[in-house]
Amino acid sequence: MSARLVVSVHDVAPATAAETARWCADADALAIPVSLLVIPGPWRGTGLADDPDYGTFLRERRAHGDEIMLHGWEHRAPREGALPRRVVAAAVARGAAEFAALDTAATADRLRRAIAVMDESGLTTTGFTPPGWLASPAAERELCRAGFTHTTDHFGVRDLRSGRRIRGFALSQRPAGRGESAAAGLMRVMARRTARRGGFVRIALHPDDLHRPRLRDTALRAIESALSAGARATTYAEVIG
């Protein structure tokens, strides 16, 4: 099987409209689609329902060939759920792991609100990436009940209908965090090596990456390295079929 490349743009919301547009322009320049991970709830001051024009932008991106995925409700970890999972999530996702420790009822409530806003915005989707790539077992079961077809974590993408898992580690930056330089260096090397051996390359882009020019350049070079090594750019929805 030939190598595949999925580039995902995280934290897509009205509050990050400029950063998302910049990443989309970069993707267009490389002639690749992206998977756009949308936060529909009140994040950084504004929700998707408060900005109809932004819904129009996202619908245009989908018509252009990009994938729309749900990325939680408000992208903030609540003070509920199993304490051990909350502690691990706080260390890994720096306060963003909204679904890491939720039980069934709490998950269902957040999904209900998120799905309603997405549907009203004309952005119905069956793809879900939990903030921080962390979801509790109860949350994953509720995703299936809610009709989602695929989800992702740090280590791959899973078809929720069949349970089939396609392995591929998500390469991501850590702007202004411990390990920023190491993560940046690893991204380009691993993208090229994975593509050369016919693997599944995943590159995750975040709005805050753009506040550090070196990180944007690193991400673009990693994408170019994977493409030049033979990877075919696609989306998560296409990967699972």
C-alpha atoms as a PDB file:
ATOM      1  CA  MET A   1       0.000   0.000   0.000  1.00  0.00           C
ATOM      2  CA  SER A   2       1.260   3.462  -0.835  1.00  0.00           C
ATOM      3  CA  ALA A   3       1.826   5.994   1.920  1.00  0.00           C
ATOM      4  CA  ARG A   4      -1.015   8.263   2.954  1.00  0.00           C
ATOM      5  CA  LEU A   5      -0.870  11.712   4.508  1.00  0.00           C
ATOM      6  CA  VAL A   6      -3.574  13.418   6.575  1.00  0.00           C
ATOM      7  CA  VAL A   7      -3.029  17.012   7.636  1.00  0.00           C
ATOM      8  CA  SER A   8      -5.460  18.120  10.331  1.00  0.00           C
ATOM      9  CA  VAL A   9      -6.127  21.700  11.397  1.00  0.00           C
ATOM     10  CA  HIS A  10      -7.120  21.758  15.063  1.00  0.00           C
ATOM     11  CA  ASP A  11      -9.090  24.236  17.163  1.00  0.00           C
ATOM     12  CA  VAL A  12     -11.112  25.614  14.269  1.00  0.00           C
ATOM     13  CA  ALA A  13     -13.498  28.256  15.616  1.00  0.00           C
ATOM     14  CA  PRO A  14     -14.462  31.902  15.090  1.00  0.00           C
ATOM     15  CA  ALA A  15     -11.787  32.884  17.623  1.00  0.00           C
ATOM     16  CA  THR A  16      -9.089  31.348  15.411  1.00  0.00           C
ATOM     17  CA  ALA A  17     -10.533  32.333  12.033  1.00  0.00           C
ATOM     18  CA  ALA A  18      -7.364  34.108  10.891  1.00  0.00           C
ATOM     19  CA  GLU A  19      -5.070  31.229  11.851  1.00  0.00           C
ATOM     20  CA  THR A  20      -7.318  28.626  10.246  1.00  0.00           C
ATOM     21  CA  ALA A  21      -7.501  30.670   7.036  1.00  0.00           C
ATOM     22  CA  ARG A  22      -3.697  30.875   6.993  1.00  0.00           C
ATOM     23  CA  TRP A  23      -3.287  27.109   7.347  1.00  0.00           C
ATOM     24  CA  CYS A  24      -5.937  26.546   4.664  1.00  0.00           C
ATOM     25  CA  ALA A  25      -4.099  28.897   2.315  1.00  0.00           C
ATOM     26  CA  ASP A  26      -0.892  26.951   2.940  1.00  0.00           C
ATOM     27  CA  ALA A  27      -2.732  23.703   2.173  1.00  0.00           C
ATOM     28  CA  ASP A  28      -4.139  25.163  -1.032  1.00  0.00           C
ATOM     29  CA  ALA A  29      -0.639  26.195  -2.086  1.00  0.00           C
ATOM     30  CA  LEU A  30       0.436  22.567  -1.629  1.00  0.00           C
ATOM     31  CA  ALA A  31      -2.733  21.309  -3.393  1.00  0.00           C
ATOM     32  CA  ILE A  32      -3.769  19.094  -0.489  1.00  0.00           C
ATOM     33  CA  PRO A  33      -7.037  18.687   1.459  1.00  0.00           C
ATOM     34  CA  VAL A  34      -7.165  19.054   5.223  1.00  0.00           C
ATOM     35  CA  SER A  35      -9.348  17.689   8.010  1.00  0.00           C
ATOM     36  CA  LEU A  36     -10.756  20.687   9.893  1.00  0.00           C
ATOM     37  CA  LEU A  37     -11.452  20.017  13.583  1.00  0.00           C
ATOM     38  CA  VAL A  38     -14.257  22.350  14.630  1.00  0.00           C
ATOM     39  CA  ILE A  39     -15.053  23.549  18.168  1.00  0.00           C
ATOM     40  CA  PRO A  40     -18.712  24.632  17.990  1.00  0.00           C
ATOM     41  CA  GLY A  41     -19.158  25.799  21.594  1.00  0.00           C
ATOM     42  CA  PRO A  42     -18.139  28.982  23.425  1.00  0.00           C
ATOM     43  CA  TRP A  43     -14.358  28.853  23.140  1.00  0.00           C
ATOM     44  CA  ARG A  44     -12.155  31.906  23.595  1.00  0.00           C
ATOM     45  CA  GLY A  45     -15.222  34.084  23.811  1.00  0.00           C
ATOM     46  CA  THR A  46     -17.267  33.154  20.731  1.00  0.00           C
ATOM     47  CA  GLY A  47     -19.229  30.130  19.593  1.00  0.00           C
ATOM     48  CA  LEU A  48     -19.982  28.954  16.079  1.00  0.00           C
ATOM     49  CA  ALA A  49     -23.674  29.802  16.485  1.00  0.00           C
ATOM     50  CA  ASP A  50     -22.711  33.443  17.098  1.00  0.00           C
ATOM     51  CA  ASP A  51     -20.920  33.792  13.764  1.00  0.00           C
ATOM     52  CA  PRO A  52     -22.959  32.594  10.746  1.00  0.00           C
ATOM     53  CA  ASP A  53     -20.341  33.938   8.338  1.00  0.00           C
ATOM     54  CA  TYR A  54     -17.795  31.536   9.744  1.00  0.00           C
ATOM     55  CA  GLY A  55     -20.149  28.660   9.086  1.00  0.00           C
ATOM     56  CA  THR A  56     -20.239  29.814   5.472  1.00  0.00           C
ATOM     57  CA  PHE A  57     -16.442  29.731   5.315  1.00  0.00           C
ATOM     58  CA  LEU A  58     -16.379  26.163   6.642  1.00  0.00           C
ATOM     59  CA  ARG A  59     -19.049  24.993   4.214  1.00  0.00           C
ATOM     60  CA  GLU A  60     -16.996  26.456   1.383  1.00  0.00           C
ATOM     61  CA  ARG A  61     -13.933  24.593   2.616  1.00  0.00           C
ATOM     62  CA  ARG A  62     -15.889  21.336   2.643  1.00  0.00           C
ATOM     63  CA  ALA A  63     -17.082  21.987  -0.900  1.00  0.00           C
ATOM     64  CA  HIS A  64     -13.427  22.590  -1.777  1.00  0.00           C
ATOM     65  CA  GLY A  65     -12.571  19.044  -0.633  1.00  0.00           C
ATOM     66  CA  ASP A  66     -11.714  19.456   3.041  1.00  0.00           C
ATOM     67  CA  GLU A  67     -13.231  17.298   5.767  1.00  0.00           C
ATOM     68  CA  ILE A  68     -15.205  18.770   8.663  1.00  0.00           C
ATOM     69  CA  MET A  69     -14.819  16.959  12.002  1.00  0.00           C
ATOM     70  CA  LEU A  70     -16.231  17.690  15.445  1.00  0.00           C
ATOM     71  CA  HIS A  71     -13.573  18.599  18.030  1.00  0.00           C
ATOM     72  CA  GLY A  72     -15.515  18.480  21.275  1.00  0.00           C
ATOM     73  CA  TRP A  73     -17.902  21.115  22.555  1.00  0.00           C
ATOM     74  CA  GLU A  74     -15.836  23.787  24.338  1.00  0.00           C
ATOM     75  CA  HIS A  75     -12.297  22.313  24.337  1.00  0.00           C
ATOM     76  CA  ARG A  76     -11.876  22.671  28.100  1.00  0.00           C
ATOM     77  CA  ALA A  77     -11.446  19.838  30.584  1.00  0.00           C
ATOM     78  CA  PRO A  78     -14.324  19.848  33.105  1.00  0.00           C
ATOM     79  CA  ARG A  79     -13.949  19.134  36.808  1.00  0.00           C
ATOM     80  CA  GLU A  80     -15.782  15.847  36.595  1.00  0.00           C
ATOM     81  CA  GLY A  81     -14.969  12.229  35.922  1.00  0.00           C
ATOM     82  CA  ALA A  82     -12.421   9.751  37.254  1.00  0.00           C
ATOM     83  CA  LEU A  83      -9.557  11.545  39.021  1.00  0.00           C
ATOM     84  CA  PRO A  84      -6.723   9.342  37.645  1.00  0.00           C
ATOM     85  CA  ARG A  85      -7.829  10.022  34.073  1.00  0.00           C
ATOM     86  CA  ARG A  86      -8.152  13.737  34.789  1.00  0.00           C
ATOM     87  CA  VAL A  87      -4.622  13.884  36.189  1.00  0.00           C
ATOM     88  CA  VAL A  88      -3.126  12.124  33.162  1.00  0.00           C
ATOM     89  CA  ALA A  89      -5.150  14.297  30.797  1.00  0.00           C
ATOM     90  CA  ALA A  90      -3.988  17.490  32.500  1.00  0.00           C
ATOM     91  CA  ALA A  91      -0.365  16.455  32.058  1.00  0.00           C
ATOM     92  CA  VAL A  92      -0.754  15.429  28.413  1.00  0.00           C
ATOM     93  CA  ALA A  93      -3.240  17.956  27.040  1.00  0.00           C
ATOM     94  CA  ARG A  94      -2.647  21.047  29.172  1.00  0.00           C
ATOM     95  CA  GLY A  95      -6.266  21.541  30.192  1.00  0.00           C
ATOM     96  CA  ALA A  96      -7.900  20.787  26.845  1.00  0.00           C
ATOM     97  CA  ALA A  97      -8.868  17.124  27.276  1.00  0.00           C
ATOM     98  CA  GLU A  98     -12.609  17.690  27.499  1.00  0.00           C
ATOM     99  CA  PHE A  99     -13.696  14.068  26.959  1.00  0.00           C
ATOM    100  CA  ALA A 100     -10.848  12.239  28.715  1.00  0.00           C
ATOM    101  CA  ALA A 101     -12.728  11.358  31.911  1.00  0.00           C
ATOM    102  CA  LEU A 102     -16.417  11.850  31.120  1.00  0.00           C
ATOM    103  CA  ASP A 103     -19.125   9.312  31.922  1.00  0.00           C
ATOM    104  CA  THR A 104     -21.954   8.407  29.553  1.00  0.00           C
ATOM    105  CA  ALA A 105     -24.417  11.084  30.667  1.00  0.00           C
ATOM    106  CA  ALA A 106     -21.870  13.931  30.551  1.00  0.00           C
ATOM    107  CA  THR A 107     -20.625  12.822  27.138  1.00  0.00           C
ATOM    108  CA  ALA A 108     -24.149  12.591  25.750  1.00  0.00           C
ATOM    109  CA  ASP A 109     -24.953  16.098  26.971  1.00  0.00           C
ATOM    110  CA  ARG A 110     -21.898  17.684  25.355  1.00  0.00           C
ATOM    111  CA  LEU A 111     -22.362  15.769  22.116  1.00  0.00           C
ATOM    112  CA  ARG A 112     -26.021  16.811  21.953  1.00  0.00           C
ATOM    113  CA  ARG A 113     -25.132  20.475  22.209  1.00  0.00           C
ATOM    114  CA  ALA A 114     -22.253  20.196  19.750  1.00  0.00           C
ATOM    115  CA  ILE A 115     -24.230  18.242  17.152  1.00  0.00           C
ATOM    116  CA  ALA A 116     -27.128  20.711  17.338  1.00  0.00           C
ATOM    117  CA  VAL A 117     -24.873  23.685  16.569  1.00  0.00           C
ATOM    118  CA  MET A 118     -23.063  21.838  13.787  1.00  0.00           C
ATOM    119  CA  ASP A 119     -26.344  20.778  12.193  1.00  0.00           C
ATOM    120  CA  GLU A 120     -27.788  24.290  12.413  1.00  0.00           C
ATOM    121  CA  SER A 121     -24.643  25.615  10.733  1.00  0.00           C
ATOM    122  CA  GLY A 122     -24.952  23.148   7.850  1.00  0.00           C
ATOM    123  CA  LEU A 123     -21.861  21.281   9.039  1.00  0.00           C
ATOM    124  CA  THR A 124     -23.236  17.848   9.887  1.00  0.00           C
ATOM    125  CA  THR A 125     -20.379  15.387  10.328  1.00  0.00           C
ATOM    126  CA  THR A 126     -19.722  11.839  11.479  1.00  0.00           C
ATOM    127  CA  GLY A 127     -16.027  12.349  12.286  1.00  0.00           C
ATOM    128  CA  PHE A 128     -14.820  13.142  15.810  1.00  0.00           C
ATOM    129  CA  THR A 129     -11.396  13.982  17.214  1.00  0.00           C
ATOM    130  CA  PRO A 130     -11.454  14.515  20.985  1.00  0.00           C
ATOM    131  CA  PRO A 131      -9.485  17.476  22.334  1.00  0.00           C
ATOM    132  CA  GLY A 132      -6.042  16.275  23.347  1.00  0.00           C
ATOM    133  CA  TRP A 133      -6.792  13.038  21.438  1.00  0.00           C
ATOM    134  CA  LEU A 134      -8.149  11.612  24.708  1.00  0.00           C
ATOM    135  CA  ALA A 135     -11.573  10.045  25.216  1.00  0.00           C
ATOM    136  CA  SER A 136     -12.856   7.871  28.046  1.00  0.00           C
ATOM    137  CA  PRO A 137     -14.280   4.409  27.285  1.00  0.00           C
ATOM    138  CA  ALA A 138     -17.745   5.795  28.063  1.00  0.00           C
ATOM    139  CA  ALA A 139     -17.184   8.658  25.635  1.00  0.00           C
ATOM    140  CA  GLU A 140     -16.178   6.283  22.854  1.00  0.00           C
ATOM    141  CA  ARG A 141     -19.285   4.155  23.396  1.00  0.00           C
ATOM    142  CA  GLU A 142     -21.454   7.275  23.263  1.00  0.00           C
ATOM    143  CA  LEU A 143     -19.832   8.345  19.991  1.00  0.00           C
ATOM    144  CA  CYS A 144     -21.054   5.104  18.432  1.00  0.00           C
ATOM    145  CA  ARG A 145     -24.570   5.657  19.787  1.00  0.00           C
ATOM    146  CA  ALA A 146     -24.577   9.192  18.380  1.00  0.00           C
ATOM    147  CA  GLY A 147     -23.828   7.897  14.884  1.00  0.00           C
ATOM    148  CA  PHE A 148     -20.174   8.889  14.483  1.00  0.00           C
ATOM    149  CA  THR A 149     -18.265   6.703  12.043  1.00  0.00           C
ATOM    150  CA  HIS A 150     -14.650   7.484  12.937  1.00  0.00           C
ATOM    151  CA  THR A 151     -12.482   8.963  15.639  1.00  0.00           C
ATOM    152  CA  THR A 152      -8.778   9.521  16.226  1.00  0.00           C
ATOM    153  CA  ASP A 153      -6.263   9.379  19.038  1.00  0.00           C
ATOM    154  CA  HIS A 154      -2.516   9.950  19.245  1.00  0.00           C
ATOM    155  CA  PHE A 155      -1.814   6.603  17.610  1.00  0.00           C
ATOM    156  CA  GLY A 156      -4.255   6.284  14.741  1.00  0.00           C
ATOM    157  CA  VAL A 157      -7.771   6.520  13.349  1.00  0.00           C
ATOM    158  CA  ARG A 158     -10.537   4.056  14.237  1.00  0.00           C
ATOM    159  CA  ASP A 159     -13.603   3.044  12.276  1.00  0.00           C
ATOM    160  CA  LEU A 160     -16.350   3.038  14.925  1.00  0.00           C
ATOM    161  CA  ARG A 161     -18.594   0.857  12.766  1.00  0.00           C
ATOM    162  CA  SER A 162     -16.217  -2.076  12.432  1.00  0.00           C
ATOM    163  CA  GLY A 163     -13.598  -1.416  15.098  1.00  0.00           C
ATOM    164  CA  ARG A 164     -10.883  -1.434  12.442  1.00  0.00           C
ATOM    165  CA  ARG A 165      -7.889   0.662  13.433  1.00  0.00           C
ATOM    166  CA  ILE A 166      -5.352   2.238  11.090  1.00  0.00           C
ATOM    167  CA  ARG A 167      -2.150   3.040  12.912  1.00  0.00           C
ATOM    168  CA  GLY A 168      -0.307   6.291  12.465  1.00  0.00           C
ATOM    169  CA  PHE A 169       1.222   8.508  15.130  1.00  0.00           C
ATOM    170  CA  ALA A 170       0.069  12.152  15.158  1.00  0.00           C
ATOM    171  CA  LEU A 171       3.020  14.495  14.690  1.00  0.00           C
ATOM    172  CA  SER A 172       2.382  17.790  16.434  1.00  0.00           C
ATOM    173  CA  GLN A 173       4.212  20.872  17.653  1.00  0.00           C
ATOM    174  CA  ARG A 174       4.351  22.130  21.245  1.00  0.00           C
ATOM    175  CA  PRO A 175       4.593  25.916  20.906  1.00  0.00           C
ATOM    176  CA  ALA A 176       6.141  27.643  23.921  1.00  0.00           C
ATOM    177  CA  GLY A 177       6.080  24.372  25.808  1.00  0.00           C
ATOM    178  CA  ARG A 178       8.647  21.965  27.123  1.00  0.00           C
ATOM    179  CA  GLY A 179      10.043  20.002  24.208  1.00  0.00           C
ATOM    180  CA  GLU A 180       9.202  22.541  21.489  1.00  0.00           C
ATOM    181  CA  SER A 181      12.530  22.139  19.665  1.00  0.00           C
ATOM    182  CA  ALA A 182      12.502  18.342  19.940  1.00  0.00           C
ATOM    183  CA  ALA A 183       8.940  18.084  18.595  1.00  0.00           C
ATOM    184  CA  ALA A 184       9.750  20.360  15.671  1.00  0.00           C
ATOM    185  CA  GLY A 185      12.822  18.336  14.715  1.00  0.00           C
ATOM    186  CA  LEU A 186      10.978  15.035  15.035  1.00  0.00           C
ATOM    187  CA  MET A 187       8.106  16.103  12.816  1.00  0.00           C
ATOM    188  CA  ARG A 188      10.061  16.451   9.596  1.00  0.00           C
ATOM    189  CA  VAL A 189      12.235  13.373  10.145  1.00  0.00           C
ATOM    190  CA  MET A 190       9.322  11.096  11.033  1.00  0.00           C
ATOM    191  CA  ALA A 191       7.106  12.384   8.213  1.00  0.00           C
ATOM    192  CA  ARG A 192       9.746  11.552   5.625  1.00  0.00           C
ATOM    193  CA  ARG A 193      10.661   8.162   7.106  1.00  0.00           C
ATOM    194  CA  THR A 194       7.052   7.061   7.526  1.00  0.00           C
ATOM    195  CA  ALA A 195       6.176   8.039   3.960  1.00  0.00           C
ATOM    196  CA  ARG A 196       9.206   6.243   2.546  1.00  0.00           C
ATOM    197  CA  ARG A 197       8.149   2.973   4.137  1.00  0.00           C
ATOM    198  CA  GLY A 198       4.569   3.337   2.882  1.00  0.00           C
ATOM    199  CA  GLY A 199       3.053   4.228   6.241  1.00  0.00           C
ATOM    200  CA  PHE A 200       0.331   6.562   7.446  1.00  0.00           C
ATOM    201  CA  VAL A 201       1.629  10.099   8.041  1.00  0.00           C
ATOM    202  CA  ARG A 202      -0.411  12.385  10.305  1.00  0.00           C
ATOM    203  CA  ILE A 203       0.529  16.030  10.785  1.00  0.00           C
ATOM    204  CA  ALA A 204      -1.506  18.134  13.198  1.00  0.00           C
ATOM    205  CA  LEU A 205      -1.528  21.912  12.856  1.00  0.00           C
ATOM    206  CA  HIS A 206      -2.675  24.232  15.652  1.00  0.00           C
ATOM    207  CA  PRO A 207      -3.458  27.958  15.597  1.00  0.00           C
ATOM    208  CA  ASP A 208      -0.790  28.748  18.182  1.00  0.00           C
ATOM    209  CA  ASP A 209       1.878  27.224  15.916  1.00  0.00           C
ATOM    210  CA  LEU A 210       1.523  30.291  13.726  1.00  0.00           C
ATOM    211  CA  HIS A 211       2.645  32.565  16.534  1.00  0.00           C
ATOM    212  CA  ARG A 212       6.100  30.972  16.208  1.00  0.00           C
ATOM    213  CA  PRO A 213       7.302  31.383  12.571  1.00  0.00           C
ATOM    214  CA  ARG A 214       9.828  28.564  12.880  1.00  0.00           C
ATOM    215  CA  LEU A 215       7.068  26.099  13.724  1.00  0.00           C
ATOM    216  CA  ARG A 216       5.017  26.992  10.659  1.00  0.00           C
ATOM    217  CA  ASP A 217       8.065  26.513   8.452  1.00  0.00           C
ATOM    218  CA  THR A 218       8.833  23.169  10.100  1.00  0.00           C
ATOM    219  CA  ALA A 219       5.289  21.910   9.554  1.00  0.00           C
ATOM    220  CA  LEU A 220       5.253  22.920   5.889  1.00  0.00           C
ATOM    221  CA  ARG A 221       8.634  21.304   5.291  1.00  0.00           C
ATOM    222  CA  ALA A 222       7.369  18.108   6.947  1.00  0.00           C
ATOM    223  CA  ILE A 223       4.332  18.033   4.664  1.00  0.00           C
ATOM    224  CA  GLU A 224       6.523  18.611   1.614  1.00  0.00           C
ATOM    225  CA  SER A 225       8.892  15.851   2.757  1.00  0.00           C
ATOM    226  CA  ALA A 226       6.043  13.361   3.029  1.00  0.00           C
ATOM    227  CA  LEU A 227       4.651  14.327  -0.373  1.00  0.00           C
ATOM    228  CA  SER A 228       8.055  14.115  -2.052  1.00  0.00           C
ATOM    229  CA  ALA A 229       8.538  10.672  -0.505  1.00  0.00           C
ATOM    230  CA  GLY A 230       5.386   9.473  -2.245  1.00  0.00           C
ATOM    231  CA  ALA A 231       2.594  10.009   0.282  1.00  0.00           C
ATOM    232  CA  ARG A 232      -0.879  10.694  -1.091  1.00  0.00           C
ATOM    233  CA  ALA A 233      -2.697  13.499   0.717  1.00  0.00           C
ATOM    234  CA  THR A 234      -6.208  12.604   1.882  1.00  0.00           C
ATOM    235  CA  THR A 235      -8.617  13.062   4.816  1.00  0.00           C
ATOM    236  CA  TYR A 236      -9.578  10.874   7.778  1.00  0.00           C
ATOM    237  CA  ALA A 237     -12.977  10.177   6.233  1.00  0.00           C
ATOM    238  CA  GLU A 238     -11.326   8.880   3.054  1.00  0.00           C
ATOM    239  CA  VAL A 239      -8.817   6.800   5.020  1.00  0.00           C
ATOM    240  CA  ILE A 240     -11.555   4.773   6.673  1.00  0.00           C
ATOM    241  CA  GLY A 241     -13.637   4.642   3.489  1.00  0.00           C
END
